[in-house]
Amino acid sequence: MMPKNELEDKLLNFFQAENNGDWKLYETFLSPDVEWISYGPPKRKVIIGKAEYVDDVG
């Protein structure tokens, strides 16, 4: 298990990357098989994989 300070630093860096739109850095925090499901509107959409996820959110 990661030390508390290290885990906190990772979480802060993750959210900073997201908030700053640094999608290259953001992608480094994601699992290769990340899956995101949007239930709309306008329709249900399934995103699988880091590259596809970052392309969609970024």
Protein backbone atom coordinates (compact mmCIF):
# COMPACT_ATOMS: atom_id res chain seq x y z
CA MET A 1 0.00 0.00 0.00
CA MET A 2 1.16 3.50 -0.84
CA PRO A 3 2.05 5.90 2.00
CA LYS A 4 -0.73 8.40 2.68
CA ASN A 5 1.26 11.43 1.45
CA GLU A 6 2.19 9.67 -1.79
CA LEU A 7 -1.44 8.71 -2.44
CA GLU A 8 -2.60 12.26 -1.69
CA ASP A 9 0.03 13.64 -4.10
CA LYS A 10 -1.14 11.26 -6.84
CA LEU A 11 -4.76 12.28 -6.38
CA LEU A 12 -3.88 15.98 -6.40
CA ASN A 13 -1.81 15.55 -9.57
CA PHE A 14 -4.62 13.59 -11.22
CA PHE A 15 -7.22 16.29 -10.54
CA GLN A 16 -4.82 19.10 -11.45
CA ALA A 17 -4.17 17.42 -14.80
CA GLU A 18 -7.92 17.12 -15.39
CA ASN A 19 -8.66 20.69 -14.33
CA ASN A 20 -5.81 22.07 -16.45
CA GLY A 21 -6.79 19.99 -19.49
CA ASP A 22 -3.40 18.23 -19.48
CA TRP A 23 -4.75 15.11 -21.13
CA LYS A 24 -1.34 13.54 -21.76
CA LEU A 25 -0.59 13.60 -18.02
CA TYR A 26 -4.18 12.63 -17.15
CA GLU A 27 -3.89 9.55 -19.37
CA THR A 28 -0.91 8.29 -17.34
CA PHE A 29 -3.21 7.83 -14.33
CA LEU A 30 -5.74 5.66 -16.19
CA SER A 31 -5.83 1.89 -16.44
CA PRO A 32 -5.27 0.60 -19.99
CA ASP A 33 -8.74 -0.99 -19.91
CA VAL A 34 -10.61 1.99 -18.44
CA GLU A 35 -14.31 1.87 -19.26
CA TRP A 36 -16.75 4.77 -19.16
CA ILE A 37 -20.48 4.51 -19.83
CA SER A 38 -22.67 7.52 -20.49
CA TYR A 39 -26.40 6.95 -20.35
CA GLY A 40 -27.25 10.10 -22.25
CA PRO A 41 -28.54 12.31 -23.47
CA PRO A 42 -28.72 11.99 -26.39
CA LYS A 43 -27.96 8.25 -26.23
CA ARG A 44 -26.03 5.59 -24.34
CA LYS A 45 -22.31 5.57 -25.18
CA VAL A 46 -19.57 3.13 -24.11
CA ILE A 47 -15.91 4.14 -24.14
CA ILE A 48 -13.22 1.50 -23.62
CA GLY A 49 -9.48 2.13 -23.40
CA LYS A 50 -7.28 5.07 -22.39
CA ALA A 51 -6.88 6.68 -25.80
CA GLU A 52 -10.58 6.60 -26.63
CA TYR A 53 -11.50 7.88 -23.16
CA VAL A 54 -9.05 10.81 -23.34
CA ASP A 55 -10.19 11.65 -26.90
CA ASP A 56 -13.79 11.80 -25.69
CA VAL A 57 -13.31 13.79 -22.49
CA GLY A 58 -10.49 16.03 -23.67
